Protein backbone atom coordinates (compact mmCIF):
# COMPACT_ATOMS: atom_id res chain seq x y z
CA MET A 1 6.87 -54.78 32.01
CA ASP A 2 10.17 -52.81 31.25
CA GLY A 3 8.53 -52.01 28.09
CA VAL A 4 5.25 -51.08 29.67
CA TRP A 5 7.28 -48.70 32.45
CA LEU A 6 8.89 -47.29 29.04
CA GLY A 7 6.02 -46.43 27.54
CA VAL A 8 3.91 -44.76 30.17
CA ALA A 9 7.03 -43.10 31.28
CA THR A 10 7.16 -41.52 27.87
CA VAL A 11 3.76 -40.31 27.46
CA ALA A 12 3.85 -39.09 30.61
CA SER A 13 6.95 -37.22 29.61
CA LEU A 14 5.39 -35.26 26.29
CA PRO A 15 3.70 -32.33 28.05
CA VAL A 16 7.16 -31.42 30.48
CA ALA A 17 9.05 -32.14 26.52
CA PHE A 18 6.51 -29.79 24.98
CA ALA A 19 6.57 -27.51 27.68
CA ALA A 20 10.73 -27.31 27.34
CA LEU A 21 10.73 -27.08 23.67
CA VAL A 22 7.97 -24.23 24.04
CA ALA A 23 10.12 -22.67 26.44
CA ALA A 24 13.25 -22.73 24.43
CA GLY A 25 11.64 -21.54 21.76
CA GLY A 26 10.47 -18.59 23.76
CA TRP A 27 13.75 -18.02 24.94
CA TRP A 28 15.71 -18.29 21.72
CA PHE A 29 13.08 -15.48 19.92
CA SER A 30 13.16 -12.81 23.05
CA ALA A 31 14.77 -10.13 22.04
CA GLU A 32 17.73 -8.79 23.62
CA PRO A 33 16.63 -6.78 26.67
CA TRP A 34 17.64 -3.05 26.64
CA ARG A 35 20.12 -1.84 29.12
CA GLY A 36 19.87 1.59 30.03
CA ARG A 37 19.28 4.42 32.41
CA LEU A 38 16.31 4.88 34.73
CA THR A 39 13.53 7.20 34.19
CA GLU A 40 9.83 7.49 34.62
CA HIS A 41 8.83 4.65 31.80
CA PHE A 42 11.96 2.49 32.34
CA ASP A 43 12.82 1.05 35.76
CA GLY A 44 15.90 -0.76 34.71
CA ASN A 45 14.21 -4.03 33.84
CA ARG A 46 10.93 -3.21 31.38
CA PHE A 47 9.27 -0.09 29.99
CA ARG A 48 6.04 1.11 31.21
CA ASN A 49 3.45 2.60 29.46
CA PRO A 50 2.83 6.70 30.14
CA PRO A 51 0.00 6.94 32.90
CA GLY A 52 -3.39 7.97 32.44
CA GLY A 53 -4.14 4.71 30.02
CA LYS A 54 -6.49 1.63 30.24
CA ARG A 55 -4.73 -0.54 32.55
CA ARG A 56 -3.61 -4.37 31.40
CA GLY A 57 -4.53 -7.15 33.16
CA ASN A 58 -2.26 -10.40 33.97
CA PRO A 59 -0.51 -10.97 30.55
CA THR A 60 -0.56 -14.43 30.78
CA ARG A 61 -4.12 -15.17 32.40
CA ASP A 62 -5.58 -13.03 29.44
CA VAL A 63 -3.96 -14.08 26.51
CA ILE A 64 -5.09 -17.90 27.75
CA LYS A 65 -8.72 -16.65 28.58
CA PHE A 66 -8.45 -14.97 24.77
CA LEU A 67 -7.39 -17.99 22.92
CA THR A 68 -9.52 -20.41 24.41
CA SER A 69 -12.79 -18.52 25.02
CA GLU A 70 -15.70 -18.55 22.41
CA ARG A 71 -15.02 -15.84 20.32
CA MET A 72 -17.69 -14.49 17.51
CA ARG A 73 -14.92 -14.14 14.99
CA GLY A 74 -15.99 -12.03 12.09
CA GLU A 75 -15.07 -13.21 8.67
CA TRP A 76 -12.36 -13.44 6.79
CA ARG A 77 -11.41 -14.27 3.53
CA THR A 78 -8.32 -14.58 1.46
CA VAL A 79 -8.49 -12.06 -1.49
CA ASP A 80 -6.45 -11.51 -4.46
CA THR A 81 -6.43 -8.25 -5.69
CA PRO A 82 -3.70 -7.02 -7.91
CA PRO A 83 -1.05 -4.28 -6.98
CA GLY A 84 -1.19 -0.62 -7.21
CA PRO A 85 0.73 1.42 -9.49
CA LYS A 86 4.38 2.06 -9.31
CA PRO A 87 4.41 5.45 -6.60
CA PRO A 88 6.84 8.20 -8.22
CA ALA A 89 10.67 8.17 -7.11
CA ARG A 90 10.01 11.64 -5.21
CA VAL A 91 7.49 14.43 -4.74
CA GLY A 92 8.41 17.99 -4.94
CA ARG A 93 9.06 20.49 -2.38
CA GLY A 94 6.35 21.38 -0.47
CA GLU A 95 3.88 18.40 -1.60
CA MET A 96 2.93 15.26 0.51
CA ARG A 97 1.71 11.95 -0.85
CA VAL A 98 0.94 8.64 1.24
CA THR A 99 0.45 5.40 -0.07
CA PHE A 100 -0.96 2.58 1.98
CA VAL A 101 0.94 -1.00 1.47
CA ASN A 102 -0.97 -2.96 4.06
CA HIS A 103 -1.62 -3.23 7.76
CA ALA A 104 0.72 -0.58 9.21
CA THR A 105 2.97 -0.25 6.11
CA CYS A 106 2.76 3.14 4.47
CA LEU A 107 4.86 4.80 1.89
CA VAL A 108 5.20 8.76 3.04
CA GLN A 109 6.58 10.99 0.11
CA VAL A 110 7.16 14.29 1.41
CA ASP A 111 10.06 17.43 0.70
CA GLY A 112 11.52 15.16 -1.27
CA LEU A 113 11.91 12.35 0.79
CA ASN A 114 10.78 8.74 1.00
CA PHE A 115 9.59 7.20 4.68
CA LEU A 116 8.67 3.77 5.36
CA THR A 117 6.65 2.80 8.25
CA ASP A 118 6.68 -0.77 9.77
CA PRO A 119 7.69 -2.48 6.53
CA VAL A 120 5.68 -5.93 5.93
CA TRP A 121 5.62 -8.04 3.27
CA SER A 122 5.91 -11.30 4.25
CA ASP A 123 2.84 -13.92 4.38
CA ARG A 124 2.74 -14.93 7.92
CA VAL A 125 3.67 -12.49 10.83
CA SER A 126 5.41 -15.11 13.17
CA PRO A 127 8.69 -16.16 14.48
CA VAL A 128 8.44 -19.16 12.05
CA GLY A 129 7.20 -19.46 8.34
CA PHE A 130 4.76 -22.62 8.91
CA ALA A 131 2.32 -20.77 11.67
CA GLY A 132 0.86 -18.04 13.00
CA PRO A 133 -1.07 -14.91 11.34
CA LYS A 134 -1.48 -15.50 7.80
CA ARG A 135 -2.01 -12.93 5.06
CA PHE A 136 -5.78 -12.86 3.74
CA ALA A 137 -4.89 -9.61 1.28
CA PRO A 138 -1.44 -8.97 -0.85
CA PRO A 139 0.62 -5.85 -0.36
CA GLY A 140 -0.89 -3.49 -2.39
CA ILE A 141 2.58 -2.76 -4.07
CA ARG A 142 5.24 -4.53 -5.07
CA LEU A 143 8.57 -4.51 -3.09
CA GLU A 144 10.28 -3.77 -6.73
CA ASP A 145 8.35 -1.07 -6.92
CA LEU A 146 9.26 0.81 -4.14
CA PRO A 147 11.06 4.12 -4.69
CA PRO A 148 14.40 4.54 -2.79
CA ILE A 149 13.92 4.63 0.64
CA ASP A 150 15.73 7.58 2.68
CA TRP A 151 13.96 6.27 6.36
CA ILE A 152 12.30 3.15 7.80
CA LEU A 153 10.25 3.96 10.93
CA LEU A 154 10.10 1.46 13.24
CA SER A 155 7.26 1.34 15.63
CA HIS A 156 8.03 -1.78 17.97
CA ASN A 157 9.31 -5.20 17.72
CA HIS A 158 6.06 -7.31 17.30
CA TYR A 159 5.98 -9.61 14.37
CA ASP A 160 3.40 -7.94 12.00
CA HIS A 161 5.50 -4.66 12.70
CA LEU A 162 9.18 -5.43 12.81
CA ASP A 163 9.40 -8.16 9.49
CA GLU A 164 12.75 -9.64 9.40
CA ALA A 165 12.37 -11.28 5.98
CA THR A 166 11.22 -7.83 4.37
CA LEU A 167 13.74 -5.66 6.21
CA ALA A 168 16.47 -8.07 5.31
CA HIS A 169 15.46 -7.75 1.45
CA LEU A 170 15.09 -4.07 1.68
CA LEU A 171 18.62 -3.85 2.98
CA ARG A 172 20.08 -5.50 0.01
CA GLU A 173 17.47 -3.74 -2.45
CA ARG A 174 16.62 -0.24 -0.92
CA PRO A 175 19.10 0.71 1.65
CA ALA A 176 17.58 2.80 4.38
CA ARG A 177 18.26 4.56 7.62
CA VAL A 178 16.14 3.25 10.25
CA ALA A 179 14.87 5.34 13.59
CA THR A 180 13.23 3.22 16.10
CA GLY A 181 12.40 2.71 19.98
CA LEU A 182 15.23 1.87 22.72
CA GLY A 183 16.73 -1.62 22.54
CA ASN A 184 15.28 -2.72 18.59
CA GLY A 185 18.91 -1.54 17.47
CA VAL A 186 20.20 -5.26 18.76
CA THR A 187 17.27 -6.70 16.32
CA LEU A 188 18.40 -4.98 13.55
CA ALA A 189 22.03 -5.83 13.75
CA GLY A 190 21.65 -9.12 13.50
CA ILE A 191 19.51 -8.36 10.44
CA GLY A 192 22.62 -6.48 8.90
CA TYR A 193 21.46 -2.92 9.81
CA ARG A 194 24.33 -0.71 11.11
CA ASN A 195 22.26 2.54 9.89
CA VAL A 196 19.89 2.83 13.51
CA VAL A 197 18.96 5.70 15.77
CA GLU A 198 17.10 4.50 18.94
CA CYS A 199 15.12 6.75 20.62
CA ASP A 200 13.56 7.31 23.91
CA TRP A 201 10.07 9.10 23.86
CA TRP A 202 10.18 12.71 22.86
CA GLU A 203 13.67 12.51 21.69
CA SER A 204 14.24 13.98 18.88
CA ILE A 205 16.87 13.62 15.81
CA GLU A 206 17.32 16.50 12.80
CA PRO A 207 19.46 14.40 10.30
CA ALA A 208 19.23 17.04 7.65
CA PRO A 209 18.41 20.97 7.47
CA GLY A 210 14.46 21.46 7.70
CA LEU A 211 13.81 18.01 8.65
CA ARG A 212 13.10 16.55 12.35
CA ILE A 213 12.11 12.87 13.84
CA THR A 214 10.81 12.52 17.01
CA PHE A 215 9.84 9.50 18.69
CA VAL A 216 6.57 9.93 20.96
CA PRO A 217 4.82 7.65 22.99
CA ALA A 218 1.98 5.23 22.57
CA GLN A 219 0.01 3.07 24.82
CA HIS A 220 1.02 -0.70 24.36
CA PHE A 221 3.91 -3.61 24.54
CA SER A 222 6.68 -5.30 23.29
CA GLY A 223 8.33 -8.41 22.61
CA ARG A 224 8.78 -10.89 20.20
CA GLY A 225 9.32 -14.45 22.54
CA LEU A 226 8.15 -15.40 25.84
CA PHE A 227 10.79 -13.84 27.96
CA ASP A 228 10.86 -10.15 26.93
CA ARG A 229 7.41 -8.63 27.12
CA ASP A 230 8.35 -4.87 27.52
CA LYS A 231 12.22 -4.99 27.09
CA THR A 232 12.44 -2.64 24.36
CA LEU A 233 10.42 0.61 23.94
CA TRP A 234 7.39 1.08 21.68
CA GLY A 235 5.96 3.94 19.95
CA GLY A 236 5.19 6.49 17.45
CA PHE A 237 6.70 9.58 15.22
CA VAL A 238 6.17 12.52 14.01
CA VAL A 239 8.13 13.69 11.52
CA GLU A 240 8.40 17.33 10.71
CA THR A 241 9.58 18.96 7.20
CA ALA A 242 10.64 22.35 6.11
CA LYS A 243 7.90 22.64 3.43
CA GLY A 244 5.45 19.82 3.58
CA GLY A 245 4.54 20.17 7.01
CA SER A 246 3.86 17.00 9.76
CA PHE A 247 3.16 13.77 9.44
CA TYR A 248 2.42 11.34 12.55
CA PHE A 249 2.64 7.61 12.60
CA ALA A 250 0.92 6.20 15.35
CA GLY A 251 2.48 2.53 15.39
CA ASP A 252 -0.34 0.31 17.78
CA THR A 253 -1.48 1.97 20.57
CA GLY A 254 -4.03 2.29 23.02
CA TRP A 255 -5.97 5.77 23.98
CA GLY A 256 -4.07 7.62 26.18
CA PRO A 257 -3.50 11.12 27.37
CA HIS A 258 -0.57 11.02 24.83
CA PHE A 259 -2.52 12.20 21.77
CA SER A 260 -3.31 15.37 23.49
CA GLU A 261 0.35 15.75 24.39
CA ILE A 262 1.28 15.10 20.86
CA ALA A 263 -1.53 17.84 19.44
CA ARG A 264 0.12 20.31 21.88
CA ARG A 265 3.44 19.90 21.28
CA PHE A 266 2.71 19.46 17.34
CA PRO A 267 0.40 22.00 16.29
CA GLY A 268 -0.82 21.74 12.54
CA ILE A 269 -0.33 18.13 11.84
CA ARG A 270 -0.79 17.21 7.81
CA LEU A 271 -1.34 14.16 8.01
CA ALA A 272 -1.99 11.09 10.49
CA LEU A 273 -1.49 7.49 10.22
CA LEU A 274 -3.96 5.80 12.59
CA PRO A 275 -4.70 1.93 13.72
CA ILE A 276 -8.45 1.05 14.06
CA GLY A 277 -7.90 -2.78 13.60
CA ALA A 278 -7.75 -5.63 16.13
CA PHE A 279 -10.13 -3.86 18.34
CA ARG A 280 -12.18 -6.93 19.71
CA PRO A 281 -12.88 -8.37 22.18
CA GLU A 282 -12.92 -4.75 23.86
CA TRP A 283 -12.10 -6.18 27.15
CA PHE A 284 -8.68 -7.48 25.86
CA MET A 285 -7.68 -5.53 23.20
CA SER A 286 -8.59 -1.72 24.11
CA PRO A 287 -5.58 -1.19 26.49
CA VAL A 288 -3.01 -1.44 23.47
CA HIS A 289 -5.27 -1.07 20.22
CA ILE A 290 -7.41 1.95 19.52
CA GLY A 291 -10.93 1.56 17.58
CA PRO A 292 -12.93 2.98 15.00
CA ASP A 293 -14.40 5.52 17.44
CA GLU A 294 -11.20 6.03 19.27
CA ALA A 295 -9.74 6.65 16.05
CA VAL A 296 -11.95 9.47 15.11
CA GLU A 297 -11.48 10.99 18.50
CA ALA A 298 -7.97 11.40 18.15
CA HIS A 299 -7.98 12.48 14.64
CA ASP A 300 -10.37 15.27 15.70
CA LEU A 301 -7.87 15.61 19.55
CA LEU A 302 -4.61 16.03 17.38
CA GLY A 303 -6.18 18.34 14.72
CA ALA A 304 -5.05 16.74 12.09
CA ARG A 305 -5.82 18.15 8.16
CA THR A 306 -6.31 14.41 7.21
CA SER A 307 -6.35 10.83 8.77
CA LEU A 308 -5.33 8.09 7.13
CA VAL A 309 -6.38 4.27 8.95
CA ILE A 310 -4.16 1.56 8.84
CA HIS A 311 -4.07 -1.46 10.93
CA TYR A 312 -6.82 -3.51 9.61
CA GLY A 313 -8.03 -5.95 6.89
CA THR A 314 -4.68 -7.54 6.42
CA PHE A 315 -3.69 -10.29 9.10
CA ALA A 316 -6.79 -11.46 11.66
CA LEU A 317 -5.14 -10.56 15.01
CA GLY A 318 -8.26 -9.95 17.17
CA SER A 319 -12.07 -11.09 17.12
CA ASP A 320 -13.34 -8.03 14.24
CA GLY A 321 -13.50 -9.47 10.88
CA MET A 322 -11.91 -8.13 7.49
CA THR A 323 -14.20 -5.14 7.01
CA GLU A 324 -15.41 -4.69 10.26
CA PRO A 325 -13.45 -1.80 11.14
CA VAL A 326 -13.80 0.31 8.11
CA GLU A 327 -17.88 -0.32 8.73
CA ARG A 328 -17.48 0.78 12.10
CA LEU A 329 -15.23 3.74 11.65
CA GLU A 330 -18.03 4.78 8.70
CA ARG A 331 -20.56 5.05 11.53
CA ALA A 332 -18.60 6.61 13.92
CA LEU A 333 -17.71 9.32 11.09
CA SER A 334 -21.47 9.89 10.04
CA ALA A 335 -22.79 10.06 13.88
CA ARG A 336 -20.49 13.47 13.53
CA ASN A 337 -20.66 14.79 10.27
CA PRO A 338 -22.27 12.78 7.22
CA SER A 339 -19.47 14.03 4.72
CA ARG A 340 -15.82 13.44 6.54
CA PRO A 341 -13.44 13.40 4.18
CA ASP A 342 -10.69 14.18 5.82
CA VAL A 343 -10.46 11.08 7.78
CA ARG A 344 -9.95 8.10 5.10
CA ALA A 345 -10.12 4.55 4.43
CA VAL A 346 -8.54 3.25 0.90
CA ALA A 347 -7.82 -0.11 -0.51
CA ASN A 348 -4.41 -1.90 -0.56
CA GLY A 349 -2.22 0.21 -3.17
CA ALA A 350 -4.32 3.44 -3.00
CA ALA A 351 -2.31 6.90 -3.00
CA PHE A 352 -3.10 10.18 -2.55
CA ASP A 353 -1.79 13.41 -2.26
CA VAL A 354 -2.18 15.06 1.23
CA PRO A 355 -4.14 18.02 0.98
CA ALA A 356 -2.27 21.34 2.30
CA ASP A 357 -3.43 24.16 4.77
CA ALA A 358 -1.54 27.38 5.95
CA ARG A 359 -0.56 25.74 9.10
CA ALA A 360 0.93 22.47 7.18
CA ALA A 361 2.88 24.83 5.20
CA ALA A 362 4.58 26.51 8.36
CA GLY A 363 6.40 22.94 8.72
CA LEU A 364 9.14 23.18 11.63
CA ALA A 365 8.19 27.04 12.36
CA LEU A 366 4.56 25.49 14.25
CA SER A 367 6.58 22.33 15.92
CA ARG A 368 6.38 23.46 19.36
CA GLY A 369 3.48 26.07 20.08
């Protein structure tokens, strides 16, 4: 009889044990919260999105609904494409070149400097290597083919943007300074990074003559575990150079008034890197991810000379299929103008020289119109 009761008690305790295990893991992976002065977007405990954007629902309830609802997810298939050519070590003064590596990872080379955005080369974007979103397309260039990196621009701490394995490799082989939002320095210090600049929204740093890096708002959220949601700051970057003009990296963002404010503060953006993937289902994703149609609107609103779309075709993070974001983008562009070479979607590993115009060539002189 004791054995029967023991068996019943063991079975009954499994959900509790599993919940305890999940909670322990959620605590272990959670990022250290930011502790700092109160601002209009930080209440002493959590960061808030800029006013005017779409409001998020209850995070726990909506995630459960998203994961358990019957979703018509588009098709994904594993592809094995060869890496693109090795980028040049540097580009000259006044030149700008961009290489789309994958997802939100781009190599932007401008004015003799090399910037890498949200570097991800891992096979999964997850706190563990055996589960979580897996890679469907290989990185467009090999890690060993990267040129020296001057700056890593880290938009926020989600696993598909802050990839510890990739960052650890870069620290060994391509050490660089890191610019990121408030609170992410602790996670980076755990990897071994010491040369990190944490910024609040609209805060700028000028690490060298003719170079200014500004952390700008985004409509998103942060978190690496169960207990750190919105405890560190998310955002994008505007990088201004003396001769090469400026570029904007949006990171992850939903639609909001920050686009018009960025356009006002930084006229003449030469290149914008705009996300288009993980946009379905809209009821769940639109508060934190713009889709292809909104990316075109953002491009026009920003007045960017050229935009490159990112954040699609590598990891299945939403219900949209592998090629759906680009197909939707093409329809959105055709509805406005049959020929729109100023908004580009390129294959992983593809690179191009970003066209300049008189506004872009003016660089820092136009940055605060």
